[in-house]
């Protein structure tokens, strides 16, 4: 694998932008992300600066973005873990019944898939989630489109299980209609 898995730094906003744009150009993007390439490309630099700063540890955000950095400095993959507080309005307008983590923005460049980077990125996010004391997170969840069986299989291989919850996706031109299936993993 030969990659370093680490959290982003606030000054890396341009690379945060680059990997997000790459993820949105992936053929699976219409069923993997709730954002379009065109929408992300139109965001000003200040958006990406705030995103990088808010996803760096120790900068007051309730999320951390992890990246897989190759020896040449290129970013080969990313995942972000959001902390959802109990009672908060979360994904697609649902209410979080408990404090939990939510994995979003999962992406590994096509040429690096099947190399273990996905597992390494998710392990880093889970390690961070399980290390939190306030709030303590009993589980981490993610949502995967019903039309994305490859991602479903990859997450199940990493220990995520279906919760039986699915949410409808409709009404937005950036979203492929269908259902988002919730998968989760409990704190060991």
N, C-alpha and C. Protein backbone atom coordinates (compact mmCIF):
# COMPACT_ATOMS: atom_id res chain seq x y z
N UNK A 1 0.84 -1.19 0.00
CA UNK A 1 0.00 0.00 0.00
C UNK A 1 0.88 1.25 0.00
N UNK A 2 1.84 1.34 0.92
CA UNK A 2 2.84 2.41 0.91
C UNK A 2 2.26 3.82 0.96
N UNK A 3 1.13 3.98 1.62
CA UNK A 3 0.50 5.28 1.80
C UNK A 3 0.48 5.64 3.27
N UNK A 4 0.47 6.93 3.55
CA UNK A 4 0.28 7.41 4.91
C UNK A 4 -1.19 7.80 5.03
N UNK A 5 -1.85 7.29 6.05
CA UNK A 5 -3.24 7.66 6.33
C UNK A 5 -3.19 8.70 7.44
N UNK A 6 -3.75 9.87 7.16
CA UNK A 6 -3.70 10.96 8.14
C UNK A 6 -4.86 11.91 7.93
N UNK A 7 -5.05 12.78 8.90
CA UNK A 7 -6.08 13.82 8.80
C UNK A 7 -5.57 14.98 7.96
N UNK A 8 -6.50 15.68 7.33
CA UNK A 8 -6.12 16.86 6.55
C UNK A 8 -5.68 17.98 7.48
N UNK A 9 -4.95 18.92 6.90
CA UNK A 9 -4.54 20.13 7.61
C UNK A 9 -5.28 21.32 6.97
N UNK A 10 -5.52 22.37 7.74
CA UNK A 10 -6.27 23.52 7.20
C UNK A 10 -5.67 24.13 5.94
N UNK A 11 -4.34 24.11 5.82
CA UNK A 11 -3.71 24.74 4.66
C UNK A 11 -3.78 23.88 3.39
N UNK A 12 -4.39 22.70 3.48
CA UNK A 12 -4.46 21.80 2.34
C UNK A 12 -5.79 21.91 1.58
N UNK A 13 -6.41 23.06 1.67
CA UNK A 13 -7.74 23.22 1.07
C UNK A 13 -7.74 22.96 -0.44
N UNK A 14 -6.69 23.31 -1.14
CA UNK A 14 -6.66 23.08 -2.60
C UNK A 14 -6.66 21.59 -2.91
N UNK A 15 -5.97 20.80 -2.11
CA UNK A 15 -5.98 19.35 -2.31
C UNK A 15 -7.32 18.74 -1.90
N UNK A 16 -7.94 19.31 -0.86
CA UNK A 16 -9.29 18.88 -0.47
C UNK A 16 -10.23 19.10 -1.66
N UNK A 17 -10.12 20.25 -2.28
CA UNK A 17 -10.95 20.56 -3.45
C UNK A 17 -10.65 19.59 -4.59
N UNK A 18 -9.38 19.37 -4.88
CA UNK A 18 -8.99 18.51 -6.00
C UNK A 18 -9.53 17.09 -5.85
N UNK A 19 -9.41 16.51 -4.65
CA UNK A 19 -9.87 15.13 -4.50
C UNK A 19 -11.39 15.05 -4.52
N UNK A 20 -12.05 16.09 -4.03
CA UNK A 20 -13.52 16.09 -4.11
C UNK A 20 -13.97 16.18 -5.56
N UNK A 21 -13.35 17.04 -6.33
CA UNK A 21 -13.71 17.15 -7.74
C UNK A 21 -13.43 15.84 -8.48
N UNK A 22 -12.32 15.19 -8.16
CA UNK A 22 -12.02 13.89 -8.77
C UNK A 22 -13.10 12.87 -8.42
N UNK A 23 -13.53 12.86 -7.16
CA UNK A 23 -14.56 11.90 -6.75
C UNK A 23 -15.86 12.13 -7.49
N UNK A 24 -16.18 13.38 -7.76
CA UNK A 24 -17.44 13.71 -8.43
C UNK A 24 -17.39 13.46 -9.93
N UNK A 25 -16.20 13.16 -10.47
CA UNK A 25 -16.07 12.78 -11.87
C UNK A 25 -16.03 11.26 -12.04
N UNK A 26 -16.01 10.53 -10.95
CA UNK A 26 -16.00 9.07 -11.00
C UNK A 26 -17.31 8.57 -11.63
N UNK A 27 -17.27 7.50 -12.42
CA UNK A 27 -18.51 6.98 -13.00
C UNK A 27 -19.59 6.62 -11.97
N UNK A 28 -19.20 6.27 -10.75
CA UNK A 28 -20.17 5.91 -9.72
C UNK A 28 -20.73 7.13 -8.99
N UNK A 29 -20.24 8.32 -9.29
CA UNK A 29 -20.64 9.53 -8.55
C UNK A 29 -22.15 9.74 -8.47
N UNK A 30 -22.92 9.49 -9.54
CA UNK A 30 -24.36 9.75 -9.43
C UNK A 30 -25.08 8.93 -8.35
N UNK A 31 -24.52 7.78 -7.97
CA UNK A 31 -25.13 6.99 -6.89
C UNK A 31 -24.29 7.03 -5.62
N UNK A 32 -23.18 7.73 -5.65
CA UNK A 32 -22.29 7.76 -4.48
C UNK A 32 -22.32 9.08 -3.72
N UNK A 33 -22.67 10.16 -4.39
CA UNK A 33 -22.59 11.48 -3.77
C UNK A 33 -23.87 12.28 -4.01
N UNK A 34 -24.18 13.17 -3.09
CA UNK A 34 -25.37 14.01 -3.20
C UNK A 34 -25.03 15.39 -3.75
N UNK A 35 -23.91 15.49 -4.43
CA UNK A 35 -23.41 16.75 -4.97
C UNK A 35 -22.93 16.49 -6.39
N UNK A 36 -23.01 17.47 -7.24
CA UNK A 36 -22.51 17.31 -8.60
C UNK A 36 -21.14 17.96 -8.75
N UNK A 37 -20.43 17.53 -9.77
CA UNK A 37 -19.14 18.13 -10.11
C UNK A 37 -19.31 19.62 -10.38
N UNK A 38 -20.33 19.97 -11.15
CA UNK A 38 -20.55 21.37 -11.51
C UNK A 38 -20.82 22.23 -10.28
N UNK A 39 -21.60 21.70 -9.36
CA UNK A 39 -21.90 22.44 -8.13
C UNK A 39 -20.66 22.66 -7.28
N UNK A 40 -19.84 21.61 -7.16
CA UNK A 40 -18.61 21.73 -6.36
C UNK A 40 -17.61 22.66 -7.03
N UNK A 41 -17.50 22.56 -8.35
CA UNK A 41 -16.56 23.40 -9.09
C UNK A 41 -16.91 24.89 -8.95
N UNK A 42 -18.19 25.19 -8.82
CA UNK A 42 -18.64 26.58 -8.71
C UNK A 42 -18.37 27.19 -7.33
N UNK A 43 -17.99 26.40 -6.36
CA UNK A 43 -17.76 26.92 -5.01
C UNK A 43 -16.51 27.81 -4.99
N UNK A 44 -16.55 28.92 -4.27
CA UNK A 44 -15.37 29.80 -4.17
C UNK A 44 -14.29 29.17 -3.29
N UNK A 45 -13.09 29.69 -3.40
CA UNK A 45 -11.99 29.18 -2.58
C UNK A 45 -12.32 29.24 -1.09
N UNK A 46 -13.06 30.24 -0.67
CA UNK A 46 -13.41 30.36 0.75
C UNK A 46 -14.21 29.15 1.25
N UNK A 47 -15.02 28.57 0.39
CA UNK A 47 -15.77 27.36 0.74
C UNK A 47 -14.81 26.22 1.06
N UNK A 48 -13.83 26.03 0.18
CA UNK A 48 -12.87 24.93 0.35
C UNK A 48 -11.94 25.18 1.54
N UNK A 49 -11.59 26.44 1.77
CA UNK A 49 -10.77 26.78 2.94
C UNK A 49 -11.52 26.45 4.22
N UNK A 50 -12.79 26.81 4.28
CA UNK A 50 -13.61 26.50 5.47
C UNK A 50 -13.80 25.00 5.63
N UNK A 51 -13.97 24.31 4.52
CA UNK A 51 -14.15 22.85 4.58
C UNK A 51 -12.90 22.17 5.13
N UNK A 52 -11.74 22.56 4.63
CA UNK A 52 -10.49 21.96 5.12
C UNK A 52 -10.25 22.31 6.58
N UNK A 53 -10.46 23.55 6.94
CA UNK A 53 -10.25 23.98 8.32
C UNK A 53 -11.21 23.27 9.27
N UNK A 54 -12.47 23.14 8.87
CA UNK A 54 -13.47 22.49 9.71
C UNK A 54 -13.31 21.00 9.82
N UNK A 55 -12.53 20.40 8.92
CA UNK A 55 -12.33 18.94 8.93
C UNK A 55 -10.94 18.55 9.40
N UNK A 56 -10.22 19.49 9.97
CA UNK A 56 -8.89 19.21 10.52
C UNK A 56 -9.01 19.06 12.03
N UNK A 57 -8.35 18.08 12.61
CA UNK A 57 -8.45 17.89 14.06
C UNK A 57 -7.98 19.12 14.82
N UNK A 58 -8.67 19.41 15.92
CA UNK A 58 -8.25 20.50 16.78
C UNK A 58 -8.66 21.88 16.31
N UNK A 59 -9.49 21.95 15.30
CA UNK A 59 -9.90 23.26 14.79
C UNK A 59 -11.39 23.52 15.03
N UNK A 60 -11.94 22.88 16.05
CA UNK A 60 -13.29 23.20 16.48
C UNK A 60 -14.41 22.52 15.74
N UNK A 61 -14.12 21.84 14.65
CA UNK A 61 -15.17 21.17 13.90
C UNK A 61 -15.58 19.86 14.55
N UNK A 62 -16.70 19.36 14.13
CA UNK A 62 -17.20 18.08 14.61
C UNK A 62 -17.04 17.03 13.53
N UNK A 63 -16.00 17.17 12.74
CA UNK A 63 -15.70 16.21 11.69
C UNK A 63 -14.20 16.17 11.47
N UNK A 64 -13.75 15.05 10.93
CA UNK A 64 -12.35 14.93 10.53
C UNK A 64 -12.32 14.23 9.18
N UNK A 65 -11.56 14.82 8.25
CA UNK A 65 -11.36 14.21 6.94
C UNK A 65 -10.00 13.54 6.94
N UNK A 66 -10.00 12.26 6.58
CA UNK A 66 -8.76 11.49 6.48
C UNK A 66 -8.43 11.29 5.01
N UNK A 67 -7.14 11.26 4.73
CA UNK A 67 -6.68 11.05 3.36
C UNK A 67 -5.61 9.96 3.35
N UNK A 68 -5.48 9.33 2.18
CA UNK A 68 -4.40 8.38 1.93
C UNK A 68 -3.40 9.09 1.03
N UNK A 69 -2.22 9.36 1.58
CA UNK A 69 -1.20 10.13 0.87
C UNK A 69 -0.11 9.20 0.37
N UNK A 70 0.13 9.22 -0.95
CA UNK A 70 1.17 8.41 -1.57
C UNK A 70 2.55 9.00 -1.26
N UNK A 71 3.62 8.22 -1.47
CA UNK A 71 4.96 8.74 -1.22
C UNK A 71 5.30 10.02 -1.98
N UNK A 72 4.67 10.21 -3.15
CA UNK A 72 4.94 11.43 -3.93
C UNK A 72 4.07 12.61 -3.51
N UNK A 73 3.26 12.43 -2.45
CA UNK A 73 2.40 13.50 -1.95
C UNK A 73 1.01 13.53 -2.55
N UNK A 74 0.76 12.70 -3.57
CA UNK A 74 -0.57 12.65 -4.18
C UNK A 74 -1.56 12.00 -3.22
N UNK A 75 -2.79 12.45 -3.27
CA UNK A 75 -3.85 11.88 -2.44
C UNK A 75 -4.60 10.82 -3.25
N UNK A 76 -4.65 9.62 -2.72
CA UNK A 76 -5.26 8.49 -3.42
C UNK A 76 -6.65 8.17 -2.93
N UNK A 77 -7.05 8.71 -1.79
CA UNK A 77 -8.38 8.42 -1.26
C UNK A 77 -8.70 9.30 -0.08
N UNK A 78 -9.97 9.30 0.30
CA UNK A 78 -10.42 10.14 1.40
C UNK A 78 -11.70 9.59 2.01
N UNK A 79 -11.93 9.93 3.25
CA UNK A 79 -13.19 9.67 3.95
C UNK A 79 -13.32 10.74 5.04
N UNK A 80 -14.54 11.15 5.31
CA UNK A 80 -14.81 12.12 6.37
C UNK A 80 -15.74 11.50 7.38
N UNK A 81 -15.45 11.70 8.65
CA UNK A 81 -16.33 11.23 9.72
C UNK A 81 -16.95 12.45 10.39
N UNK A 82 -18.28 12.50 10.36
CA UNK A 82 -19.04 13.56 11.02
C UNK A 82 -19.53 13.05 12.36
N UNK A 83 -19.51 13.89 13.38
CA UNK A 83 -20.10 13.55 14.67
C UNK A 83 -21.52 14.08 14.68
N UNK A 84 -22.47 13.18 14.92
CA UNK A 84 -23.88 13.56 15.01
C UNK A 84 -24.30 13.49 16.47
N UNK A 85 -24.72 14.61 17.00
CA UNK A 85 -25.17 14.67 18.40
C UNK A 85 -26.56 14.07 18.54
N UNK A 86 -26.86 13.50 19.69
CA UNK A 86 -28.20 12.96 19.96
C UNK A 86 -29.23 14.08 19.84
N UNK A 87 -30.31 13.81 19.13
CA UNK A 87 -31.39 14.78 18.96
C UNK A 87 -31.20 15.76 17.82
N UNK A 88 -30.05 15.72 17.16
CA UNK A 88 -29.78 16.65 16.07
C UNK A 88 -30.48 16.21 14.79
N UNK A 89 -30.81 17.19 13.95
CA UNK A 89 -31.32 16.88 12.62
C UNK A 89 -30.12 16.53 11.76
N UNK A 90 -30.19 15.37 11.12
CA UNK A 90 -29.05 14.85 10.37
C UNK A 90 -29.46 14.51 8.94
N UNK A 91 -28.81 13.57 8.35
CA UNK A 91 -28.95 13.17 6.96
C UNK A 91 -30.41 13.08 6.51
N UNK A 92 -30.74 13.78 5.43
CA UNK A 92 -32.06 13.78 4.81
C UNK A 92 -33.18 14.14 5.77
N UNK A 93 -32.88 14.98 6.76
CA UNK A 93 -33.89 15.48 7.68
C UNK A 93 -34.26 14.56 8.82
N UNK A 94 -33.59 13.43 8.96
CA UNK A 94 -33.86 12.51 10.06
C UNK A 94 -33.31 13.11 11.36
N UNK A 95 -33.74 12.55 12.49
CA UNK A 95 -33.24 12.98 13.80
C UNK A 95 -32.37 11.87 14.37
N UNK A 96 -31.21 12.23 14.85
CA UNK A 96 -30.30 11.26 15.45
C UNK A 96 -30.80 10.88 16.83
N UNK A 97 -31.02 9.60 17.05
CA UNK A 97 -31.52 9.12 18.34
C UNK A 97 -30.42 9.06 19.39
N UNK A 98 -29.16 9.05 18.95
CA UNK A 98 -28.03 8.95 19.87
C UNK A 98 -26.82 9.63 19.24
N UNK A 99 -25.82 9.87 20.03
CA UNK A 99 -24.57 10.37 19.48
C UNK A 99 -23.95 9.24 18.66
N UNK A 100 -23.55 9.56 17.45
CA UNK A 100 -22.99 8.55 16.56
C UNK A 100 -22.11 9.23 15.52
N UNK A 101 -21.30 8.44 14.86
CA UNK A 101 -20.50 8.93 13.76
C UNK A 101 -21.20 8.65 12.45
N UNK A 102 -20.88 9.43 11.43
CA UNK A 102 -21.46 9.24 10.10
C UNK A 102 -20.34 9.40 9.08
N UNK A 103 -20.03 8.34 8.36
CA UNK A 103 -19.01 8.38 7.32
C UNK A 103 -19.60 8.94 6.04
N UNK A 104 -18.93 9.91 5.46
CA UNK A 104 -19.37 10.53 4.20
C UNK A 104 -18.16 10.77 3.31
N UNK A 105 -18.42 11.09 2.05
CA UNK A 105 -17.35 11.48 1.14
C UNK A 105 -16.31 10.40 0.93
N UNK A 106 -16.73 9.14 0.96
CA UNK A 106 -15.79 8.03 0.81
C UNK A 106 -15.39 7.92 -0.66
N UNK A 107 -14.08 7.93 -0.91
CA UNK A 107 -13.58 7.84 -2.29
C UNK A 107 -12.16 7.31 -2.30
N UNK A 108 -11.91 6.36 -3.20
CA UNK A 108 -10.57 5.88 -3.51
C UNK A 108 -10.42 5.96 -5.02
N UNK A 109 -9.33 6.54 -5.47
CA UNK A 109 -9.11 6.68 -6.91
C UNK A 109 -9.16 5.29 -7.56
N UNK A 110 -9.75 5.20 -8.76
CA UNK A 110 -9.94 3.89 -9.40
C UNK A 110 -8.68 3.04 -9.49
N UNK A 111 -7.55 3.66 -9.78
CA UNK A 111 -6.30 2.89 -9.93
C UNK A 111 -5.77 2.37 -8.59
N UNK A 112 -6.34 2.82 -7.48
CA UNK A 112 -5.90 2.38 -6.14
C UNK A 112 -6.93 1.46 -5.46
N UNK A 113 -8.05 1.21 -6.12
CA UNK A 113 -9.07 0.33 -5.53
C UNK A 113 -8.56 -1.10 -5.48
N UNK A 114 -8.96 -1.80 -4.44
CA UNK A 114 -8.53 -3.18 -4.26
C UNK A 114 -7.15 -3.32 -3.63
N UNK A 115 -6.58 -2.22 -3.15
CA UNK A 115 -5.24 -2.24 -2.57
C UNK A 115 -5.24 -2.18 -1.05
N UNK A 116 -6.41 -2.09 -0.45
CA UNK A 116 -6.51 -1.97 1.01
C UNK A 116 -6.66 -0.55 1.51
N UNK A 117 -6.63 0.43 0.61
CA UNK A 117 -6.74 1.83 1.05
C UNK A 117 -8.10 2.13 1.68
N UNK A 118 -9.17 1.57 1.13
CA UNK A 118 -10.49 1.83 1.70
C UNK A 118 -10.53 1.38 3.15
N UNK A 119 -10.06 0.17 3.41
CA UNK A 119 -10.04 -0.34 4.78
C UNK A 119 -9.17 0.50 5.70
N UNK A 120 -8.02 0.94 5.19
CA UNK A 120 -7.12 1.75 6.01
C UNK A 120 -7.75 3.11 6.34
N UNK A 121 -8.41 3.72 5.37
CA UNK A 121 -9.08 5.00 5.61
C UNK A 121 -10.20 4.86 6.62
N UNK A 122 -11.02 3.83 6.45
CA UNK A 122 -12.14 3.63 7.37
C UNK A 122 -11.63 3.26 8.75
N UNK A 123 -10.58 2.46 8.83
CA UNK A 123 -9.99 2.14 10.14
C UNK A 123 -9.53 3.41 10.86
N UNK A 124 -8.91 4.33 10.13
CA UNK A 124 -8.46 5.58 10.75
C UNK A 124 -9.65 6.38 11.27
N UNK A 125 -10.71 6.45 10.48
CA UNK A 125 -11.91 7.19 10.91
C UNK A 125 -12.54 6.52 12.12
N UNK A 126 -12.62 5.19 12.11
CA UNK A 126 -13.21 4.48 13.25
C UNK A 126 -12.35 4.63 14.50
N UNK A 127 -11.04 4.55 14.35
CA UNK A 127 -10.15 4.74 15.51
C UNK A 127 -10.39 6.11 16.13
N UNK A 128 -10.52 7.14 15.29
CA UNK A 128 -10.79 8.48 15.81
C UNK A 128 -12.14 8.51 16.51
N UNK A 129 -13.16 7.92 15.88
CA UNK A 129 -14.51 7.92 16.47
C UNK A 129 -14.51 7.23 17.83
N UNK A 130 -13.87 6.07 17.92
CA UNK A 130 -13.87 5.31 19.17
C UNK A 130 -13.02 5.99 20.24
N UNK A 131 -12.13 6.88 19.85
CA UNK A 131 -11.28 7.57 20.84
C UNK A 131 -11.99 8.75 21.50
N UNK A 132 -13.09 9.20 20.94
CA UNK A 132 -13.79 10.36 21.50
C UNK A 132 -14.39 10.03 22.85
N UNK A 133 -14.28 10.97 23.76
CA UNK A 133 -14.90 10.79 25.08
C UNK A 133 -16.18 11.60 25.20
N UNK A 134 -16.25 12.72 24.51
CA UNK A 134 -17.45 13.57 24.60
C UNK A 134 -17.74 14.16 23.23
N UNK A 135 -18.77 13.72 22.55
CA UNK A 135 -19.63 12.62 22.99
C UNK A 135 -18.99 11.28 22.68
N UNK A 136 -19.31 10.30 23.50
CA UNK A 136 -18.87 8.94 23.23
C UNK A 136 -19.75 8.37 22.13
N UNK A 137 -19.14 7.79 21.12
CA UNK A 137 -19.89 7.26 19.99
C UNK A 137 -19.97 5.74 20.08
N UNK A 138 -21.17 5.22 20.20
CA UNK A 138 -21.39 3.78 20.30
C UNK A 138 -21.37 3.10 18.94
N UNK A 139 -21.60 3.90 17.89
CA UNK A 139 -21.60 3.31 16.55
C UNK A 139 -21.27 4.37 15.52
N UNK A 140 -20.90 3.88 14.34
CA UNK A 140 -20.67 4.73 13.18
C UNK A 140 -21.52 4.16 12.06
N UNK A 141 -22.17 5.05 11.34
CA UNK A 141 -23.03 4.61 10.25
C UNK A 141 -22.60 5.27 8.95
N UNK A 142 -23.16 4.78 7.88
CA UNK A 142 -22.99 5.37 6.56
C UNK A 142 -24.23 5.05 5.75
N UNK A 143 -24.38 5.73 4.65
CA UNK A 143 -25.49 5.46 3.73
C UNK A 143 -24.90 5.13 2.37
N UNK A 144 -25.51 4.14 1.74
CA UNK A 144 -25.06 3.72 0.42
C UNK A 144 -26.29 3.52 -0.46
N UNK A 145 -26.21 4.00 -1.68
CA UNK A 145 -27.35 3.92 -2.60
C UNK A 145 -27.63 2.47 -2.96
N UNK A 146 -28.91 2.15 -3.07
CA UNK A 146 -29.31 0.79 -3.42
C UNK A 146 -28.75 0.38 -4.78
N UNK A 147 -28.43 1.35 -5.63
CA UNK A 147 -27.87 1.06 -6.95
C UNK A 147 -26.35 1.02 -6.97
N UNK A 148 -25.72 0.86 -5.82
CA UNK A 148 -24.26 0.82 -5.73
C UNK A 148 -23.82 -0.46 -5.01
N UNK A 149 -24.05 -1.63 -5.65
CA UNK A 149 -23.74 -2.91 -4.98
C UNK A 149 -22.26 -3.10 -4.67
N UNK A 150 -21.38 -2.53 -5.47
CA UNK A 150 -19.94 -2.67 -5.20
C UNK A 150 -19.58 -2.02 -3.87
N UNK A 151 -20.10 -0.81 -3.63
CA UNK A 151 -19.83 -0.14 -2.36
C UNK A 151 -20.48 -0.89 -1.20
N UNK A 152 -21.69 -1.38 -1.40
CA UNK A 152 -22.35 -2.16 -0.35
C UNK A 152 -21.49 -3.35 0.06
N UNK A 153 -20.98 -4.08 -0.93
CA UNK A 153 -20.15 -5.25 -0.65
C UNK A 153 -18.86 -4.86 0.07
N UNK A 154 -18.25 -3.77 -0.35
CA UNK A 154 -17.00 -3.32 0.28
C UNK A 154 -17.22 -2.97 1.75
N UNK A 155 -18.31 -2.26 2.04
CA UNK A 155 -18.59 -1.88 3.43
C UNK A 155 -18.91 -3.11 4.28
N UNK A 156 -19.65 -4.05 3.73
CA UNK A 156 -19.97 -5.28 4.48
C UNK A 156 -18.69 -6.06 4.78
N UNK A 157 -17.78 -6.09 3.83
CA UNK A 157 -16.50 -6.79 4.03
C UNK A 157 -15.72 -6.15 5.19
N UNK A 158 -15.92 -4.86 5.41
CA UNK A 158 -15.22 -4.14 6.48
C UNK A 158 -15.96 -4.21 7.82
N UNK A 159 -17.08 -4.93 7.86
CA UNK A 159 -17.79 -5.15 9.12
C UNK A 159 -19.07 -4.37 9.31
N UNK A 160 -19.44 -3.53 8.35
CA UNK A 160 -20.70 -2.80 8.45
C UNK A 160 -21.86 -3.74 8.15
N UNK A 161 -22.96 -3.57 8.87
CA UNK A 161 -24.15 -4.40 8.66
C UNK A 161 -25.35 -3.50 8.39
N UNK A 162 -26.29 -4.03 7.62
CA UNK A 162 -27.52 -3.29 7.32
C UNK A 162 -28.33 -3.12 8.59
N UNK A 163 -28.86 -1.92 8.79
CA UNK A 163 -29.67 -1.65 9.98
C UNK A 163 -31.16 -1.85 9.70
N UNK A 164 -31.52 -1.98 8.44
CA UNK A 164 -32.93 -2.08 8.07
C UNK A 164 -33.55 -0.73 7.76
N UNK A 165 -32.79 0.34 7.97
CA UNK A 165 -33.29 1.69 7.68
C UNK A 165 -32.89 2.06 6.25
N UNK A 166 -33.86 2.57 5.50
CA UNK A 166 -33.56 3.11 4.18
C UNK A 166 -34.34 4.40 4.01
N UNK A 167 -33.73 5.34 3.32
CA UNK A 167 -34.32 6.66 3.14
C UNK A 167 -34.48 6.96 1.65
N UNK A 168 -35.62 7.53 1.26
CA UNK A 168 -35.83 7.83 -0.16
C UNK A 168 -35.01 9.04 -0.60
N UNK A 169 -34.53 8.97 -1.83
CA UNK A 169 -33.83 10.09 -2.46
C UNK A 169 -34.66 10.53 -3.65
N UNK A 170 -35.10 11.76 -3.63
CA UNK A 170 -35.88 12.27 -4.75
C UNK A 170 -35.92 13.78 -4.70
N UNK A 171 -36.29 14.37 -5.81
CA UNK A 171 -36.53 15.80 -5.83
C UNK A 171 -35.35 16.69 -6.12
N UNK A 172 -34.18 16.11 -6.38
CA UNK A 172 -33.02 16.94 -6.66
C UNK A 172 -32.35 16.44 -7.93
N UNK A 173 -31.99 17.34 -8.85
CA UNK A 173 -31.34 16.90 -10.08
C UNK A 173 -29.96 16.31 -9.85
N UNK A 174 -29.35 16.55 -8.69
CA UNK A 174 -28.01 16.02 -8.43
C UNK A 174 -28.05 14.62 -7.84
N UNK A 175 -29.25 14.10 -7.59
CA UNK A 175 -29.39 12.83 -6.90
C UNK A 175 -30.04 11.81 -7.82
N UNK A 176 -29.47 10.61 -7.89
CA UNK A 176 -30.11 9.51 -8.60
C UNK A 176 -31.25 9.01 -7.73
N UNK A 177 -32.48 9.02 -8.25
CA UNK A 177 -33.61 8.56 -7.44
C UNK A 177 -33.39 7.12 -6.96
N UNK A 178 -33.96 6.82 -5.83
CA UNK A 178 -33.84 5.49 -5.25
C UNK A 178 -33.83 5.60 -3.74
N UNK A 179 -33.16 4.67 -3.11
CA UNK A 179 -33.11 4.65 -1.65
C UNK A 179 -31.67 4.57 -1.18
N UNK A 180 -31.40 5.26 -0.07
CA UNK A 180 -30.11 5.18 0.60
C UNK A 180 -30.27 4.18 1.74
N UNK A 181 -29.46 3.14 1.73
CA UNK A 181 -29.50 2.10 2.75
C UNK A 181 -28.51 2.45 3.85
N UNK A 182 -28.94 2.33 5.10
CA UNK A 182 -28.06 2.61 6.22
C UNK A 182 -27.34 1.33 6.62
N UNK A 183 -26.01 1.43 6.74
CA UNK A 183 -25.17 0.37 7.27
C UNK A 183 -24.46 0.95 8.48
N UNK A 184 -24.16 0.12 9.47
CA UNK A 184 -23.51 0.63 10.68
C UNK A 184 -22.56 -0.41 11.25
N UNK A 185 -21.66 0.08 12.07
CA UNK A 185 -20.73 -0.78 12.81
C UNK A 185 -20.70 -0.26 14.24
N UNK A 186 -20.73 -1.18 15.20
CA UNK A 186 -20.72 -0.81 16.61
C UNK A 186 -19.30 -0.72 17.15
N UNK A 187 -19.14 0.12 18.15
CA UNK A 187 -17.85 0.25 18.83
C UNK A 187 -17.48 -1.10 19.43
N UNK A 188 -16.26 -1.56 19.22
CA UNK A 188 -15.86 -2.87 19.78
C UNK A 188 -15.79 -2.84 21.30
